[in-house]
Amino acid sequence: MSQAEVRPTNFIRQIIDGDLNSGKHTNVHTRFPPEPNGFLHIGHAKSICLNFGIADDYQGQCNLRFDDTNPEKEDINYVHAIQEDVKWLGFNWDGEVRYSSNYFDKLFEYAVELIQAGKAYVCFLNAEETREYRGTLNKPGKNSPYRDTSIEENLALFNKMRDAGFADGECCLRAKIDMTSSFMCMRDPIIYRIKRVHHHQTGDKWCIYPMYDFTHCISDAIEGISHSICTLEFQDNRRVYDWVLDNISIDCRPRQYEFSRLNLEYTMMSKRKLNALVTENHVTGWDDPRMPTIAGLRRRGYTAASIREFCKRIGVTKQINTIEMGMLEACIREDLEDSAPRAMAVLDPVKLVITNYPADQTEQLIAPAHPKLDMGTRTLPFSRELFIDRADFREEANKKYKRLVLGKEVRLRNAYIVRADDVVKDDAGNIIEIHCTYDDETLGKNPSDGRKAKGVIHWVSAADAVDAEIRVYDRLFKIADPASVETLEEALNEQSLVVIKTAKVEPGLVAAQAESAYQFEREGYFCADKDSTADKLVFNRTVSLRG
């Protein structure tokens, strides 16, 4: 961190400052603990920036630990994708990648310890009975008939669970806490269940798997985590977190702190619902550029720096709120304004013929790659026949129209001033050619007689233009809160993707690499898609020029 840079502050950093000043902790150790059951989304980016950012600023450590206790919904491909996302965002974890499954043997021993202390028991209530016995928010629960089973019998039953002596779901291990607690999570929560599922890390060694609330706190303690930071939905569960650590023989005693999760307009942060979008083919995959996943945003053209800046701007609080999409879009516009080279692309081409330009001549015009920054230059072929955007010409227009009009002049970007003289139409009355004349003394300068063109439009040489497919992305949902309707289909924006297959782009773009960003002048910010090849250029619109 440079001396001029000011470290951000929030209530979590204030707690850490207090802990370090009081001597409670001498170093800071955080962790980012995703479940590998889907791709990470921008809400996770907030947590990544918080946990890794704190470790960086306090010269501490941050672990990447996969919460892999539910192999039924997990996949090794998600493990790899998550690691790639964290690295792409610009962060490195301490030591090797960790997994909760690394601690399965130790977790089993701690469960046995709870049984031996009379604080856990094997319960044979089925799911419906368990719900009935748990009670409601207004009605206390009642004890399971298996709650007072002897310690010896519970130990035998738990070993039998481990040894596959019971069917899936036949029984479970529960913590013995308080069935009358006002906090539902404290009413004898399940800490182990039976699932005969192959695990991507441990294979078929286990047929019982620990629950999140039991696993998470112990994993934190084993790793020496000083500050366990999570989102507000786990606030009540902190009581289970503390209870488990208070009732087992473990030296380290981390504390949990909660902050508000990211809610972003026109999208959703539920991995279950995002998975539904993928499996129901509303999108092309987890990295579809309309998805709020880190992979989707990256493919759309968002930069790691813009996402980190967004997370910095929204801050870290306990206040639940919804962030406007415009704030995220502003971050990428600001980043690309200074980092994206310029290029010209005509999305809806119509031919412009310069009738007084030599038919056999092509000029190689030199244009800056960026109008304000030194990014070098690019070469633009200029010839008698060009393509301009159909929206940039009208046969008649009022004075507010600053583009090409019959009988009026306009400047071609980085080139000459032209005057529209005539049009050619097909049998249906559609304009297929615009005929104009150019002033050959206006390259890089204004006319000598003092007249000025009303506007500037972009163009590409017809003979040298490269065909491209342009994917114009918009918000996936048409309402700010898609969770407010019953089905995803009701909220989906039918115009979230418009594919333009007939665009023409300047020839230098044939060398564009995937994720390379450009400002297509007067159109917006775009990036080359991974589908792009030398034979078929594909560009995704990242964001429009203005909000």
Protein backbone atom coordinates (compact mmCIF):
# COMPACT_ATOMS: atom_id res chain seq x y z
CA MET A 1 0.00 0.00 0.00
CA SER A 2 1.43 3.37 -0.99
CA GLN A 3 1.86 6.09 1.60
CA ALA A 4 -0.68 8.24 -0.23
CA GLU A 5 -3.29 5.48 -0.21
CA VAL A 6 -5.71 5.54 2.71
CA ARG A 7 -6.72 2.19 4.16
CA PRO A 8 -10.52 1.77 4.10
CA THR A 9 -12.26 1.40 7.43
CA ASN A 10 -15.43 -0.33 8.58
CA PHE A 11 -16.77 -1.88 11.76
CA ILE A 12 -14.89 -5.15 11.17
CA ARG A 13 -11.57 -3.37 10.72
CA GLN A 14 -12.32 -1.37 13.87
CA ILE A 15 -12.82 -4.63 15.77
CA ILE A 16 -9.53 -5.95 14.40
CA ASP A 17 -7.74 -2.73 15.35
CA GLY A 18 -9.10 -3.09 18.88
CA ASP A 19 -8.05 -6.74 19.12
CA LEU A 20 -4.51 -5.93 17.98
CA ASN A 21 -4.20 -2.91 20.26
CA SER A 22 -5.41 -4.87 23.29
CA GLY A 23 -3.13 -7.79 22.59
CA LYS A 24 -6.03 -10.21 22.13
CA HIS A 25 -4.48 -11.10 18.79
CA THR A 26 -0.96 -10.50 17.54
CA ASN A 27 -1.75 -11.30 13.93
CA VAL A 28 -4.78 -11.44 11.64
CA HIS A 29 -5.86 -14.68 9.99
CA THR A 30 -9.03 -14.77 7.86
CA ARG A 31 -10.48 -17.28 5.43
CA PHE A 32 -12.78 -17.40 2.40
CA PRO A 33 -14.90 -20.58 2.66
CA PRO A 34 -17.08 -21.16 -0.45
CA GLU A 35 -19.17 -24.26 -0.99
CA PRO A 36 -18.21 -25.82 -4.36
CA ASN A 37 -21.81 -26.20 -5.55
CA GLY A 38 -21.75 -23.53 -8.26
CA PHE A 39 -19.76 -20.62 -9.64
CA LEU A 40 -18.99 -17.60 -7.48
CA HIS A 41 -21.09 -14.46 -8.02
CA ILE A 42 -20.41 -10.80 -7.35
CA GLY A 43 -21.72 -11.19 -3.80
CA HIS A 44 -18.84 -13.57 -3.19
CA ALA A 45 -16.52 -10.97 -4.70
CA LYS A 46 -17.48 -8.64 -1.85
CA SER A 47 -16.50 -11.34 0.66
CA ILE A 48 -13.29 -12.14 -1.23
CA CYS A 49 -12.24 -8.48 -1.27
CA LEU A 50 -13.07 -8.17 2.43
CA ASN A 51 -11.27 -11.29 3.69
CA PHE A 52 -8.24 -11.14 1.41
CA GLY A 53 -8.09 -7.36 1.62
CA ILE A 54 -7.96 -7.43 5.42
CA ALA A 55 -5.21 -10.04 5.34
CA ASP A 56 -3.21 -7.95 2.87
CA ASP A 57 -3.60 -4.69 4.78
CA TYR A 58 -2.69 -6.19 8.15
CA GLN A 59 0.16 -8.33 6.77
CA GLY A 60 -1.78 -11.38 7.86
CA GLN A 61 -2.99 -14.54 6.16
CA CYS A 62 -6.14 -15.61 4.38
CA ASN A 63 -7.00 -19.22 3.67
CA LEU A 64 -9.06 -20.52 0.78
CA ARG A 65 -11.10 -23.36 2.29
CA PHE A 66 -13.81 -25.25 0.49
CA ASP A 67 -16.86 -26.03 2.61
CA ASP A 68 -17.27 -29.46 1.02
CA THR A 69 -19.62 -31.23 3.42
CA ASN A 70 -22.44 -31.82 0.92
CA PRO A 71 -20.93 -33.87 -1.94
CA GLU A 72 -24.37 -34.54 -3.42
CA LYS A 73 -24.40 -30.97 -4.83
CA GLU A 74 -20.67 -30.40 -5.29
CA ASP A 75 -18.36 -30.87 -8.24
CA ILE A 76 -14.61 -30.71 -8.76
CA ASN A 77 -15.17 -28.37 -11.73
CA TYR A 78 -16.64 -25.82 -9.32
CA VAL A 79 -13.53 -26.18 -7.16
CA HIS A 80 -11.32 -25.31 -10.12
CA ALA A 81 -13.56 -22.43 -11.26
CA ILE A 82 -13.57 -20.86 -7.79
CA GLN A 83 -9.78 -20.97 -7.54
CA GLU A 84 -9.52 -19.30 -10.94
CA ASP A 85 -11.98 -16.56 -9.92
CA VAL A 86 -10.07 -15.72 -6.74
CA LYS A 87 -6.79 -15.50 -8.65
CA TRP A 88 -8.35 -13.43 -11.44
CA LEU A 89 -9.66 -10.93 -8.89
CA GLY A 90 -6.05 -10.43 -7.85
CA PHE A 91 -5.75 -12.38 -4.60
CA ASN A 92 -3.57 -15.24 -3.35
CA TRP A 93 -4.41 -17.54 -0.48
CA ASP A 94 -2.06 -18.58 2.28
CA GLY A 95 -0.44 -22.00 1.79
CA GLU A 96 -2.26 -24.83 0.07
CA VAL A 97 -5.95 -24.88 -0.80
CA ARG A 98 -7.83 -26.29 2.17
CA TYR A 99 -10.99 -28.37 2.40
CA SER A 100 -13.32 -29.03 5.30
CA SER A 101 -13.00 -32.66 4.26
CA ASN A 102 -9.33 -32.48 5.33
CA TYR A 103 -10.70 -32.50 8.87
CA PHE A 104 -13.32 -35.25 8.61
CA ASP A 105 -11.36 -37.61 10.91
CA LYS A 106 -10.93 -34.86 13.51
CA LEU A 107 -14.57 -33.79 13.20
CA PHE A 108 -15.65 -37.35 13.87
CA GLU A 109 -13.50 -37.38 17.02
CA TYR A 110 -15.06 -34.14 18.25
CA ALA A 111 -18.53 -35.55 17.64
CA VAL A 112 -17.57 -38.57 19.75
CA GLU A 113 -16.31 -36.15 22.42
CA LEU A 114 -19.73 -34.46 22.52
CA ILE A 115 -21.45 -37.84 22.86
CA GLN A 116 -19.11 -38.83 25.68
CA ALA A 117 -19.97 -35.56 27.46
CA GLY A 118 -23.69 -36.32 27.10
CA LYS A 119 -24.13 -33.43 24.68
CA ALA A 120 -25.02 -35.30 21.47
CA TYR A 121 -27.31 -38.20 20.64
CA VAL A 122 -28.42 -40.35 17.73
CA CYS A 123 -32.00 -39.56 16.76
CA PHE A 124 -34.34 -41.77 14.69
CA LEU A 125 -37.12 -39.26 14.11
CA ASN A 126 -37.91 -38.92 10.41
CA ALA A 127 -37.90 -35.53 8.68
CA GLU A 128 -41.59 -34.85 9.27
CA GLU A 129 -41.39 -35.85 12.93
CA THR A 130 -38.27 -33.75 13.42
CA ARG A 131 -40.10 -30.68 12.09
CA GLU A 132 -43.05 -31.39 14.39
CA TYR A 133 -40.86 -31.80 17.46
CA ARG A 134 -38.86 -28.63 16.66
CA GLY A 135 -41.87 -26.39 17.23
CA THR A 136 -42.34 -22.94 15.66
CA LEU A 137 -41.20 -19.38 16.26
CA ASN A 138 -44.14 -18.99 18.64
CA LYS A 139 -44.15 -22.47 20.11
CA PRO A 140 -41.23 -24.17 21.87
CA GLY A 141 -40.04 -27.53 20.66
CA LYS A 142 -40.21 -30.75 22.62
CA ASN A 143 -37.52 -33.29 23.34
CA SER A 144 -36.96 -36.19 20.99
CA PRO A 145 -37.83 -39.58 22.54
CA TYR A 146 -34.20 -40.56 21.74
CA ARG A 147 -32.69 -37.60 23.60
CA ASP A 148 -32.01 -39.54 26.79
CA THR A 149 -30.39 -42.58 25.22
CA SER A 150 -27.34 -43.60 27.24
CA ILE A 151 -23.88 -42.43 26.31
CA GLU A 152 -22.72 -45.98 25.66
CA GLU A 153 -25.60 -46.74 23.31
CA ASN A 154 -25.13 -43.41 21.45
CA LEU A 155 -21.47 -44.20 20.92
CA ALA A 156 -22.36 -47.59 19.51
CA LEU A 157 -25.08 -46.13 17.29
CA PHE A 158 -22.77 -43.38 15.97
CA ASN A 159 -20.09 -45.93 15.13
CA LYS A 160 -22.74 -47.96 13.36
CA MET A 161 -23.71 -44.89 11.37
CA ARG A 162 -20.08 -44.44 10.31
CA ASP A 163 -19.84 -48.13 9.36
CA ALA A 164 -22.87 -47.94 7.05
CA GLY A 165 -25.09 -49.87 9.41
CA PHE A 166 -28.13 -47.69 8.73
CA ALA A 167 -29.91 -46.58 5.59
CA ASP A 168 -29.60 -43.02 4.31
CA GLY A 169 -31.80 -40.77 6.41
CA GLU A 170 -32.65 -43.51 8.90
CA CYS A 171 -31.05 -41.60 11.75
CA CYS A 172 -28.77 -38.63 12.45
CA LEU A 173 -26.56 -37.25 15.20
CA ARG A 174 -27.94 -34.19 16.98
CA ALA A 175 -26.40 -31.77 19.45
CA LYS A 176 -28.19 -31.73 22.81
CA ILE A 177 -28.71 -28.02 23.45
CA ASP A 178 -32.18 -26.60 24.22
CA MET A 179 -35.46 -27.51 22.53
CA THR A 180 -37.16 -24.49 24.16
CA SER A 181 -34.65 -21.93 22.89
CA SER A 182 -36.09 -18.85 21.19
CA PHE A 183 -33.49 -19.45 18.47
CA MET A 184 -34.58 -22.27 16.20
CA CYS A 185 -30.99 -23.12 15.31
CA MET A 186 -30.34 -24.06 18.96
CA ARG A 187 -33.12 -26.64 19.15
CA ASP A 188 -30.88 -29.70 19.03
CA PRO A 189 -29.46 -29.10 15.55
CA ILE A 190 -28.38 -32.01 13.38
CA ILE A 191 -24.59 -32.27 13.25
CA TYR A 192 -24.18 -35.50 11.22
CA ARG A 193 -26.36 -37.20 8.60
CA ILE A 194 -26.04 -40.36 6.54
CA LYS A 195 -25.45 -39.95 2.79
CA ARG A 196 -23.93 -42.63 0.61
CA VAL A 197 -22.44 -40.20 -1.89
CA HIS A 198 -19.03 -40.25 -3.56
CA HIS A 199 -16.95 -37.28 -2.41
CA HIS A 200 -14.66 -35.40 -4.81
CA GLN A 201 -11.88 -35.33 -2.20
CA THR A 202 -12.39 -38.33 0.10
CA GLY A 203 -13.92 -40.75 -2.39
CA ASP A 204 -16.07 -43.40 -0.69
CA LYS A 205 -14.33 -43.34 2.69
CA TRP A 206 -17.33 -41.79 4.43
CA CYS A 207 -21.05 -42.41 4.32
CA ILE A 208 -21.73 -39.85 7.06
CA TYR A 209 -21.07 -36.16 6.56
CA PRO A 210 -21.00 -33.34 9.12
CA MET A 211 -23.33 -30.36 8.84
CA TYR A 212 -22.11 -26.85 8.11
CA ASP A 213 -22.73 -25.40 11.59
CA PHE A 214 -20.67 -28.15 13.21
CA THR A 215 -17.92 -28.17 10.60
CA HIS A 216 -17.34 -24.49 10.03
CA CYS A 217 -16.41 -23.39 13.52
CA ILE A 218 -14.11 -26.38 14.10
CA SER A 219 -12.39 -25.84 10.74
CA ASP A 220 -11.81 -22.20 11.71
CA ALA A 221 -10.30 -23.26 15.02
CA ILE A 222 -8.08 -25.93 13.48
CA GLU A 223 -6.70 -23.35 11.03
CA GLY A 224 -6.14 -20.73 13.70
CA ILE A 225 -8.56 -18.21 12.20
CA SER A 226 -8.66 -15.03 14.28
CA HIS A 227 -11.71 -13.38 12.71
CA SER A 228 -14.36 -15.51 11.03
CA ILE A 229 -16.31 -13.15 8.78
CA CYS A 230 -19.62 -14.13 7.21
CA THR A 231 -22.91 -12.59 6.06
CA LEU A 232 -25.85 -11.65 8.24
CA GLU A 233 -27.95 -14.73 7.50
CA PHE A 234 -25.54 -16.62 9.78
CA GLN A 235 -26.03 -14.22 12.69
CA ASP A 236 -28.29 -16.55 14.69
CA ASN A 237 -26.06 -19.49 13.83
CA ARG A 238 -23.24 -17.79 15.72
CA ARG A 239 -24.84 -19.29 18.82
CA VAL A 240 -24.24 -22.79 17.47
CA TYR A 241 -20.72 -21.75 16.39
CA ASP A 242 -19.92 -20.64 19.93
CA TRP A 243 -21.68 -23.59 21.60
CA VAL A 244 -19.69 -26.18 19.64
CA LEU A 245 -16.34 -24.53 20.37
CA ASP A 246 -17.26 -24.05 24.03
CA ASN A 247 -18.04 -27.75 24.42
CA ILE A 248 -15.07 -29.46 22.77
CA SER A 249 -11.41 -29.59 23.78
CA ILE A 250 -9.87 -27.27 21.21
CA ASP A 251 -7.30 -24.59 21.98
CA CYS A 252 -8.00 -21.90 19.39
CA ARG A 253 -11.14 -19.79 19.92
CA PRO A 254 -12.07 -17.76 16.82
CA ARG A 255 -14.99 -15.33 16.83
CA GLN A 256 -17.60 -14.87 14.14
CA TYR A 257 -18.57 -11.44 12.80
CA GLU A 258 -21.38 -10.76 10.33
CA PHE A 259 -21.83 -8.12 7.63
CA SER A 260 -24.66 -7.47 5.18
CA ARG A 261 -24.60 -9.46 1.97
CA LEU A 262 -24.63 -7.79 -1.42
CA ASN A 263 -28.04 -7.29 -3.00
CA LEU A 264 -27.86 -5.90 -6.53
CA GLU A 265 -30.76 -4.61 -8.64
CA TYR A 266 -31.93 -6.62 -11.65
CA THR A 267 -30.20 -9.80 -10.54
CA MET A 268 -30.14 -12.37 -7.76
CA MET A 269 -27.50 -13.87 -5.48
CA SER A 270 -29.05 -17.27 -4.81
CA LYS A 271 -26.83 -20.04 -6.20
CA ARG A 272 -29.87 -22.31 -6.25
CA LYS A 273 -31.74 -19.89 -8.51
CA LEU A 274 -28.66 -19.18 -10.62
CA ASN A 275 -28.30 -22.93 -11.08
CA ALA A 276 -31.94 -23.05 -12.20
CA LEU A 277 -31.17 -20.43 -14.86
CA VAL A 278 -28.42 -22.69 -16.16
CA THR A 279 -30.23 -26.04 -15.96
CA GLU A 280 -33.45 -24.63 -17.45
CA ASN A 281 -31.46 -23.11 -20.36
CA HIS A 282 -32.44 -19.51 -19.71
CA VAL A 283 -28.73 -18.77 -20.12
CA THR A 284 -25.92 -20.61 -21.90
CA GLY A 285 -23.99 -21.51 -18.74
CA TRP A 286 -22.53 -20.21 -15.51
CA ASP A 287 -20.27 -17.87 -17.52
CA ASP A 288 -23.06 -16.42 -19.66
CA PRO A 289 -22.33 -12.66 -19.79
CA ARG A 290 -25.78 -11.91 -18.40
CA MET A 291 -25.07 -13.85 -15.21
CA PRO A 292 -23.86 -12.04 -12.06
CA THR A 293 -21.16 -14.67 -11.65
CA ILE A 294 -17.55 -13.55 -11.61
CA ALA A 295 -16.97 -15.72 -14.68
CA GLY A 296 -19.98 -14.15 -16.44
CA LEU A 297 -18.91 -10.61 -15.62
CA ARG A 298 -15.38 -11.40 -16.77
CA ARG A 299 -16.64 -12.78 -20.09
CA ARG A 300 -18.85 -9.75 -20.54
CA GLY A 301 -15.80 -7.52 -20.23
CA TYR A 302 -15.76 -6.43 -16.61
CA THR A 303 -12.25 -6.11 -15.26
CA ALA A 304 -10.98 -7.35 -11.93
CA ALA A 305 -10.07 -3.76 -11.03
CA SER A 306 -13.62 -2.54 -11.69
CA ILE A 307 -15.12 -5.24 -9.47
CA ARG A 308 -12.65 -4.52 -6.68
CA GLU A 309 -13.49 -0.80 -6.96
CA PHE A 310 -17.21 -1.60 -6.82
CA CYS A 311 -16.73 -3.65 -3.65
CA LYS A 312 -14.73 -0.78 -2.16
CA ARG A 313 -17.44 1.76 -2.94
CA ILE A 314 -20.36 -0.20 -1.51
CA GLY A 315 -18.49 -0.67 1.76
CA VAL A 316 -19.02 -3.12 4.61
CA THR A 317 -21.88 -2.54 7.06
CA LYS A 318 -24.60 -4.42 8.93
CA GLN A 319 -27.29 -2.45 7.09
CA ILE A 320 -29.31 -4.47 4.59
CA ASN A 321 -29.78 -2.55 1.35
CA THR A 322 -29.93 -3.01 -2.41
CA ILE A 323 -27.26 -1.49 -4.63
CA GLU A 324 -28.21 0.19 -7.90
CA MET A 325 -26.88 -1.53 -11.01
CA GLY A 326 -25.70 1.89 -12.16
CA MET A 327 -22.96 1.88 -9.51
CA LEU A 328 -21.43 -1.30 -10.92
CA GLU A 329 -21.73 0.04 -14.46
CA ALA A 330 -20.08 3.31 -13.44
CA CYS A 331 -17.06 1.40 -12.10
CA ILE A 332 -16.45 -0.43 -15.39
CA ARG A 333 -17.01 2.73 -17.47
CA GLU A 334 -14.44 4.62 -15.42
CA ASP A 335 -11.92 1.80 -15.69
CA LEU A 336 -12.35 1.28 -19.43
CA GLU A 337 -12.38 5.00 -20.20
CA ASP A 338 -8.69 5.05 -19.30
CA SER A 339 -7.68 1.54 -20.31
CA ALA A 340 -9.63 0.54 -23.43
CA PRO A 341 -8.23 1.47 -26.86
CA ARG A 342 -10.67 2.90 -29.38
CA ALA A 343 -11.92 1.17 -32.50
CA MET A 344 -14.71 1.66 -35.02
CA ALA A 345 -17.52 -0.80 -35.55
CA VAL A 346 -20.64 -0.29 -37.64
CA LEU A 347 -23.45 -2.36 -36.14
CA ASP A 348 -26.16 -1.62 -38.73
CA PRO A 349 -24.21 -0.90 -41.92
CA VAL A 350 -25.34 1.03 -44.95
CA LYS A 351 -22.96 1.87 -47.82
CA LEU A 352 -21.61 5.37 -48.23
CA VAL A 353 -20.13 6.08 -51.67
CA ILE A 354 -17.82 9.10 -52.03
CA THR A 355 -18.45 9.90 -55.67
CA ASN A 356 -15.50 12.32 -56.08
CA TYR A 357 -12.96 10.01 -54.45
CA PRO A 358 -10.69 8.04 -56.86
CA ALA A 359 -12.12 4.56 -57.39
CA ASP A 360 -8.72 2.85 -57.33
CA GLN A 361 -7.30 4.69 -54.34
CA THR A 362 -6.94 3.57 -50.71
CA GLU A 363 -5.36 5.77 -48.07
CA GLN A 364 -3.87 4.45 -44.85
CA LEU A 365 -4.98 6.99 -42.27
CA ILE A 366 -3.22 7.08 -38.89
CA ALA A 367 -5.47 7.45 -35.86
CA PRO A 368 -4.68 7.42 -32.11
CA ALA A 369 -5.53 4.25 -30.20
CA HIS A 370 -6.79 6.53 -27.42
CA PRO A 371 -7.73 10.22 -27.74
CA LYS A 372 -6.15 11.29 -24.43
CA LEU A 373 -3.58 8.67 -23.45
CA ASP A 374 -0.47 7.49 -25.23
CA MET A 375 -1.47 4.02 -26.39
CA GLY A 376 0.12 4.30 -29.80
CA THR A 377 -1.69 4.51 -33.12
CA ARG A 378 -3.72 2.34 -35.44
CA THR A 379 -4.03 2.33 -39.25
CA LEU A 380 -7.43 2.87 -40.88
CA PRO A 381 -7.86 2.06 -44.59
CA PHE A 382 -9.94 4.78 -46.30
CA SER A 383 -11.48 4.25 -49.74
CA ARG A 384 -14.26 5.37 -52.06
CA GLU A 385 -16.83 3.04 -50.50
CA LEU A 386 -17.41 3.00 -46.76
CA PHE A 387 -19.95 1.65 -44.31
CA ILE A 388 -21.66 3.96 -41.82
CA ASP A 389 -24.37 3.17 -39.31
CA ARG A 390 -27.88 3.44 -40.73
CA ALA A 391 -28.95 5.53 -37.72
CA ASP A 392 -26.33 8.14 -38.63
CA PHE A 393 -28.17 9.28 -41.78
CA ARG A 394 -31.51 10.89 -42.45
CA GLU A 395 -32.92 12.37 -45.58
CA GLU A 396 -34.48 15.13 -43.47
CA ALA A 397 -33.89 16.12 -39.86
CA ASN A 398 -34.28 19.01 -37.42
CA LYS A 399 -31.42 21.10 -36.11
CA LYS A 400 -30.90 18.85 -33.07
CA TYR A 401 -29.79 15.98 -35.30
CA LYS A 402 -25.99 16.16 -35.40
CA ARG A 403 -25.29 13.49 -37.98
CA LEU A 404 -25.44 13.18 -41.78
CA VAL A 405 -28.43 14.72 -43.61
CA LEU A 406 -29.03 15.22 -47.32
CA GLY A 407 -27.43 18.46 -48.38
CA LYS A 408 -25.52 18.79 -45.10
CA GLU A 409 -21.98 18.00 -43.97
CA VAL A 410 -20.52 15.79 -41.27
CA ARG A 411 -17.00 14.73 -40.37
CA LEU A 412 -15.96 11.13 -40.64
CA ARG A 413 -14.02 10.24 -37.48
CA ASN A 414 -10.25 10.66 -38.01
CA ALA A 415 -10.88 11.46 -41.69
CA TYR A 416 -12.54 13.98 -44.03
CA ILE A 417 -15.68 16.08 -44.07
CA VAL A 418 -18.35 14.72 -46.43
CA ARG A 419 -21.64 16.12 -47.76
CA ALA A 420 -24.61 13.87 -48.54
CA ASP A 421 -25.91 14.48 -52.05
CA ASP A 422 -28.23 11.63 -52.99
CA VAL A 423 -29.52 8.17 -52.00
CA VAL A 424 -30.19 4.91 -53.82
CA LYS A 425 -33.17 2.84 -52.70
CA ASP A 426 -34.35 -0.69 -53.39
CA ASP A 427 -37.83 -1.57 -54.65
CA ALA A 428 -39.17 -1.54 -51.10
CA GLY A 429 -37.96 2.00 -50.52
CA ASN A 430 -35.07 1.06 -48.24
CA ILE A 431 -31.88 3.07 -48.60
CA ILE A 432 -29.06 0.84 -49.88
CA GLU A 433 -26.50 3.53 -50.74
CA ILE A 434 -25.81 7.12 -49.74
CA HIS A 435 -23.88 9.15 -52.28
CA CYS A 436 -21.74 12.00 -51.05
CA THR A 437 -18.74 14.14 -51.90
CA TYR A 438 -15.72 14.86 -49.74
CA ASP A 439 -13.54 17.89 -49.16
CA ASP A 440 -10.02 16.66 -49.79
CA GLU A 441 -8.48 19.50 -47.79
CA THR A 442 -10.15 18.60 -44.49
CA LEU A 443 -8.06 15.64 -43.34
CA GLY A 444 -7.11 16.52 -39.78
CA LYS A 445 -8.19 20.15 -40.14
CA ASN A 446 -11.24 22.35 -40.56
CA PRO A 447 -12.24 23.86 -43.94
CA SER A 448 -10.24 26.95 -44.91
CA ASP A 449 -13.42 29.00 -45.43
CA GLY A 450 -14.36 28.66 -41.76
CA ARG A 451 -17.44 26.45 -42.11
CA LYS A 452 -17.87 23.65 -39.56
CA ALA A 453 -19.44 20.22 -39.81
CA LYS A 454 -22.39 19.66 -37.47
CA GLY A 455 -21.20 16.34 -36.10
CA VAL A 456 -18.82 13.39 -36.24
CA ILE A 457 -19.75 9.84 -37.23
CA HIS A 458 -17.79 6.59 -37.35
CA TRP A 459 -17.18 4.42 -40.42
CA VAL A 460 -15.19 1.51 -41.84
CA SER A 461 -13.82 0.96 -45.33
CA ALA A 462 -16.13 -1.40 -47.24
CA ALA A 463 -13.27 -3.23 -48.97
CA ASP A 464 -11.27 -3.75 -45.76
CA ALA A 465 -13.99 -4.17 -43.14
CA VAL A 466 -14.13 -7.43 -41.20
CA ASP A 467 -17.43 -9.19 -40.55
CA ALA A 468 -18.29 -9.57 -36.86
CA GLU A 469 -21.03 -10.88 -34.64
CA ILE A 470 -21.97 -8.39 -31.95
CA ARG A 471 -23.78 -9.62 -28.85
CA VAL A 472 -25.59 -6.73 -27.23
CA TYR A 473 -26.25 -7.70 -23.62
CA ASP A 474 -28.74 -6.03 -21.33
CA ARG A 475 -29.99 -6.86 -17.86
CA LEU A 476 -31.16 -10.44 -17.51
CA PHE A 477 -34.26 -9.39 -15.57
CA LYS A 478 -36.69 -6.63 -16.45
CA ILE A 479 -37.60 -5.81 -12.85
CA ALA A 480 -35.28 -4.52 -10.14
CA ASP A 481 -36.25 -7.26 -7.68
CA PRO A 482 -36.69 -10.51 -9.63
CA ALA A 483 -37.25 -12.41 -6.38
CA SER A 484 -40.52 -10.51 -5.91
CA VAL A 485 -42.35 -12.61 -8.52
CA GLU A 486 -43.28 -16.27 -8.26
CA THR A 487 -41.32 -17.64 -11.22
CA LEU A 488 -38.08 -16.70 -12.94
CA GLU A 489 -39.87 -16.66 -16.29
CA GLU A 490 -42.04 -13.73 -15.18
CA ALA A 491 -39.01 -11.57 -14.45
CA LEU A 492 -36.79 -12.46 -17.42
CA ASN A 493 -36.00 -9.72 -19.91
CA GLU A 494 -36.73 -11.02 -23.43
CA GLN A 495 -34.29 -8.44 -24.83
CA SER A 496 -31.39 -9.35 -22.54
CA LEU A 497 -29.44 -10.53 -25.58
CA VAL A 498 -29.68 -9.17 -29.10
CA VAL A 499 -27.31 -10.78 -31.61
CA ILE A 500 -26.16 -8.70 -34.58
CA LYS A 501 -24.62 -10.94 -37.22
CA THR A 502 -23.97 -8.35 -39.95
CA ALA A 503 -21.70 -5.85 -38.19
CA LYS A 504 -18.57 -4.50 -39.88
CA VAL A 505 -15.45 -3.62 -37.87
CA GLU A 506 -12.11 -2.05 -38.66
CA PRO A 507 -9.53 -4.63 -39.85
CA GLY A 508 -7.15 -4.26 -36.91
CA LEU A 509 -9.69 -6.01 -34.67
CA VAL A 510 -9.01 -9.34 -36.34
CA ALA A 511 -6.13 -9.74 -33.87
CA ALA A 512 -8.31 -9.14 -30.79
CA GLN A 513 -7.74 -11.69 -28.02
CA ALA A 514 -10.49 -13.01 -25.76
CA GLU A 515 -11.37 -10.52 -23.00
CA SER A 516 -9.57 -7.69 -24.82
CA ALA A 517 -11.56 -4.52 -24.20
CA TYR A 518 -12.32 -1.76 -26.71
CA GLN A 519 -14.45 1.31 -26.87
CA PHE A 520 -16.34 1.05 -30.12
CA GLU A 521 -16.54 4.77 -30.79
CA ARG A 522 -20.01 6.21 -30.21
CA GLU A 523 -21.40 2.72 -29.44
CA GLY A 524 -20.11 1.53 -26.07
CA TYR A 525 -17.52 -0.71 -24.49
CA PHE A 526 -17.06 -4.18 -25.95
CA CYS A 527 -14.73 -7.13 -25.48
CA ALA A 528 -13.73 -10.04 -27.66
CA ASP A 529 -15.57 -13.22 -26.66
CA LYS A 530 -13.95 -16.61 -26.20
CA ASP A 531 -16.08 -17.86 -29.13
CA SER A 532 -14.21 -15.47 -31.42
CA THR A 533 -11.98 -16.98 -34.11
CA ALA A 534 -10.00 -15.64 -37.07
CA ASP A 535 -12.92 -16.66 -39.29
CA LYS A 536 -15.63 -15.32 -37.01
CA LEU A 537 -15.08 -12.34 -34.75
CA VAL A 538 -17.44 -12.14 -31.78
CA PHE A 539 -17.69 -9.15 -29.45
CA ASN A 540 -19.78 -8.73 -26.31
CA ARG A 541 -21.12 -5.37 -25.24
CA THR A 542 -19.88 -4.76 -21.73
CA VAL A 543 -21.75 -1.55 -21.09
CA SER A 544 -23.10 1.43 -23.00
CA LEU A 545 -21.19 4.72 -23.04
CA ARG A 546 -23.68 6.36 -20.67
CA GLY A 547 -25.98 5.12 -17.99
